[in-house]
Protein backbone atom coordinates (compact mmCIF):
# COMPACT_ATOMS: atom_id res chain seq x y z
CA MET A 1 53.23 142.66 -13.38
CA GLU A 2 49.72 143.34 -14.50
CA SER A 3 50.70 146.69 -15.91
CA LYS A 4 53.46 145.14 -18.09
CA ALA A 5 51.07 142.50 -19.42
CA MET A 6 48.42 145.13 -20.00
CA LYS A 7 50.91 147.38 -21.83
CA ARG A 8 51.90 144.47 -24.07
CA ILE A 9 48.28 143.70 -24.90
CA ILE A 10 47.53 147.34 -25.65
CA LEU A 11 50.69 147.62 -27.77
CA PHE A 12 49.75 144.44 -29.66
CA VAL A 13 46.19 145.71 -30.26
CA LEU A 14 47.44 149.11 -31.46
CA ALA A 15 50.02 147.52 -33.78
CA SER A 16 47.37 145.16 -35.15
CA CYS A 17 44.98 148.06 -35.76
CA LEU A 18 47.67 149.98 -37.60
CA VAL A 19 48.61 147.05 -39.79
CA LEU A 20 45.06 145.96 -40.52
CA GLY A 21 43.69 149.47 -40.81
CA CYS A 22 46.37 150.63 -43.25
CA SER A 23 46.52 147.58 -45.45
CA ARG A 24 44.70 147.51 -48.76
CA PRO A 25 44.15 144.58 -51.04
CA PHE A 26 46.96 144.16 -53.58
CA SER A 27 45.92 145.27 -57.03
CA THR A 28 47.71 146.21 -60.21
CA SER A 29 46.60 147.83 -63.40
CA ILE A 30 48.44 147.54 -66.69
CA ASP A 31 47.38 149.99 -69.36
CA LEU A 32 48.91 147.83 -72.10
CA GLY A 33 51.67 145.25 -71.96
CA VAL A 34 53.16 142.23 -73.73
CA ASN A 35 55.73 139.66 -72.58
CA ASN A 36 58.20 140.27 -75.40
CA THR A 37 58.67 142.84 -78.12
CA ARG A 38 60.62 140.32 -80.19
CA ILE A 39 59.74 136.69 -80.89
CA ASN A 40 62.44 134.53 -82.46
CA ILE A 41 61.39 131.38 -84.30
CA PRO A 42 64.27 128.91 -84.75
CA TRP A 43 65.11 127.29 -88.09
CA ALA A 44 63.88 123.86 -86.97
CA ASP A 45 60.39 125.31 -86.45
CA ALA A 46 60.58 127.71 -89.40
CA GLN A 47 60.66 124.90 -91.98
CA ARG A 48 57.08 123.90 -91.24
CA SER A 49 53.87 125.69 -90.39
CA PHE A 50 54.33 126.89 -86.82
CA ASP A 51 51.64 127.99 -84.33
CA PHE A 52 52.17 130.02 -81.18
CA THR A 53 50.12 132.16 -78.82
CA PHE A 54 51.07 135.70 -77.85
CA PRO A 55 49.62 137.18 -74.61
CA VAL A 56 48.42 140.77 -74.28
CA TYR A 57 47.69 142.45 -70.96
CA SER A 58 45.46 145.51 -70.78
CA SER A 59 43.11 147.33 -68.45
CA GLY A 60 40.85 148.06 -71.41
CA SER A 61 40.34 147.18 -75.04
CA TRP A 62 43.21 146.44 -77.43
CA ASP A 63 43.81 145.28 -80.99
CA ALA A 64 46.73 144.02 -83.03
CA GLN A 65 47.65 144.09 -86.70
CA ILE A 66 50.62 143.31 -88.89
CA VAL A 67 51.95 146.63 -90.20
CA ALA A 68 55.11 145.58 -92.05
CA GLY A 69 56.47 142.42 -93.60
CA GLY A 70 55.08 139.68 -95.76
CA ASP A 71 51.93 137.66 -95.61
CA TRP A 72 53.67 134.58 -94.19
CA LEU A 73 52.25 135.24 -90.71
CA ARG A 74 48.53 135.08 -89.97
CA ILE A 75 47.01 136.31 -86.72
CA SER A 76 43.62 135.59 -85.18
CA GLY A 77 42.12 136.78 -81.94
CA ALA A 78 43.62 140.14 -82.79
CA SER A 79 41.42 142.18 -80.47
CA GLY A 80 40.01 141.94 -77.01
CA THR A 81 39.43 143.51 -73.64
CA GLY A 82 41.62 142.85 -70.63
CA THR A 83 44.06 139.95 -70.81
CA GLY A 84 43.82 138.06 -74.09
CA TYR A 85 45.78 136.01 -76.57
CA ILE A 86 46.73 136.54 -80.19
CA HIS A 87 47.04 133.26 -82.06
CA CYS A 88 49.77 133.30 -84.70
CA THR A 89 50.49 130.86 -87.53
CA SER A 90 53.61 131.18 -89.65
CA GLN A 91 53.95 129.54 -93.03
CA PRO A 92 57.08 127.46 -93.69
CA ASN A 93 60.21 129.44 -94.50
CA LEU A 94 61.48 127.76 -97.64
CA SER A 95 63.11 130.93 -98.97
CA GLY A 96 66.53 130.37 -97.41
CA VAL A 97 66.69 133.87 -95.89
CA PRO A 98 65.51 135.15 -92.52
CA ARG A 99 62.26 137.04 -92.50
CA ALA A 100 60.42 139.34 -90.12
CA VAL A 101 57.13 141.11 -89.63
CA ILE A 102 56.15 143.93 -87.33
CA MET A 103 52.92 143.51 -85.42
CA GLU A 104 51.56 146.51 -83.55
CA VAL A 105 49.51 146.03 -80.40
CA ARG A 106 47.40 149.13 -79.67
CA GLY A 107 45.29 150.10 -76.70
CA GLN A 108 44.82 152.66 -73.97
CA GLY A 109 46.54 155.29 -76.11
CA LYS A 110 49.71 153.20 -76.47
CA ILE A 111 51.33 151.33 -79.36
CA ILE A 112 53.74 148.45 -78.78
CA PRO A 113 55.66 147.24 -81.87
CA VAL A 114 56.48 143.53 -81.78
CA TYR A 115 58.98 141.96 -84.18
CA ILE A 116 58.40 138.33 -85.13
CA VAL A 117 61.57 136.95 -86.69
CA ILE A 118 62.16 133.60 -88.42
CA SER A 119 65.61 132.06 -88.83
CA SER A 120 67.12 130.78 -92.05
CA ALA A 121 69.44 127.80 -92.55
CA ASP A 122 72.44 130.16 -92.42
CA LEU A 123 71.39 132.80 -89.92
CA ALA A 124 69.55 132.40 -86.61
CA ALA A 125 66.91 134.95 -85.71
CA THR A 126 68.73 135.61 -82.45
CA GLU A 127 71.83 136.71 -84.41
CA LEU A 128 69.97 139.53 -86.14
CA GLU A 129 70.39 142.89 -84.47
CA ASP A 130 67.19 144.81 -83.79
CA ALA A 131 68.44 147.68 -85.95
CA ASP A 132 68.78 145.33 -88.95
CA LEU A 133 65.34 143.73 -88.72
CA ASP A 134 63.82 146.13 -91.25
CA ASN A 135 66.06 144.52 -93.89
CA TYR A 136 64.20 141.23 -93.38
CA LEU A 137 60.61 142.49 -93.59
CA ILE A 138 59.68 140.01 -96.34
């Protein structure tokens, strides 16, 4: 009986050593990432000044800028290191047509284009196909 108990103890110790000796702390590294590459603002919010925060994840430095579209969207906090937030403020959409801008987030040798789309009274931002968004860069 002692030999069976001893074998179990030795087996348990060996298994524990393998598990503990081979395990490493969990870690991840994201060169550059964002939650969404398209942000849709509904018509109810588009009729007034609308604020939102856009997260950026990076293992290094990053920056963002609006590269296409009108001046109806303002961004602040457009650069940082590591995880950060871009603060966006859209002006009211009183034009009656949908509108879009393209914001580029750059870092770690990557560029992520992000469309920010505002609905109109007749057309929801979610109804616009990605391929058609360039028609609404106003």
